[in-house]
Amino acid sequence: MVTRSGFTFPFNGIPLSAHRELFGRAEEYGYTDAWTSEVDGADAFTPVTLAAAWSTQLRLGTAIASVFTRGPALLAMTAAAVADAAPGRFCLGIGASSHAIVEQWNGMKFSRPLERVREVVAFLRGALAGEKVSNELLGVQGFRLSRRPPQPPPIFIAALRQRMLALAGSVGDGVILNWLAPSDVPRVAGIARDAAAAAGRDPGALEIACRIFVVPQADDATRQIVARRAIAGYLTTPVYSAFHQWLGRGALLRPMMEAWQAGDRKAALEAIPDKVIDDLLVMGDRRACLEKIEAYRKNGVTLPVLAFLPASTDSREQAAQSLATLKELAPS
């Protein structure tokens, strides 16, 4: 079985047009996977399409494409096109995303996310297999791909809590985790694998991908600033706040949440406990970082996907820090 190691791209400070060299370096360093994200920068698919043309070995994935912001047919067509461009090297990572991205930024209703993900997966399975598909809940009637990919891509599902984790295990080829500590992995991955077993599937075949946030080496004060801003930016949102309450960090994070909701951003950052920073982020020297990444593996992650949080506001410095860290934490 291949031991997989991944990273998140595109890198801050490096134009998409200049990523060709990055993929070559990553393959030389021994990385097996390159996965995109989709928040408020590049979309999930354009960078993957470029990577399909500019790399020969990397497996490519989206983490994630929202099931709300693209129609089912468009999502199927886009996935089929990328799978055609990178035969056997593309994984489609989908998820519900968040209220802010779906409703506030895209003007769509964020409703019944679990059911939406379930139905989109069923639709995609049929469409990517060349079937004519209708789905009443999605409002789709009689769609068939005229250009079917030679090999349908595996479908990964982003999940946080019990119901979505169970869905990922029962109908997905993999689950995508995010913003959790190594000690959280057994509980979270266990729910998905138990659901796979209950559905009559091989739980050992379920891939567990996890985006792991790494702060490149800098002085301790700078690392702390980067870490606190990243944690506050995510963990004050409803979905991640509920996730960490479920994981048992509600009391630890309550002072941050109260300050944030009161509009005092500075106090919110200062209220984040050091333990939460130590739990959720990879920081320190090379040895400490590699040991932390290995802890995720030992606890059940099969694909660590590193995401670098450069400790600089200068684009060239950001690029240099990320490239240096990619090499420093390379699997070979």
Foldseek 3Di string as FASTA:
>chain_A
DDQAEAAEDDFFLADLVRCLVVQVVQVVLPHAEYAYEDDPDDHRQPSLLVCLVRHDGHQYEYQAAELQQDALVVLLVSQQVSCQSRPPRYAYEYEHDACCVRPVVRNTDSPPRLVSVLQSLVQNVQQLVQHQDDDVVSRRHGDHDPRHHPDRHFYEYEDQDQSSLLSRLQRGQEYEYEQFFLVCLLVSLVSSLVSVVVNVHHSVRYAYEYEAEEEFDDDPVLSLVLLLVVCLVPCLGPVNVVRVVVVPCNVQQVQLNVCVVVVNNVSSSVSRDPVSSVGRHQYDDLVSNLVRVVSNVVSPHSYYYYYYRYSDPDSVSSVVRVSVVSSSNRPD
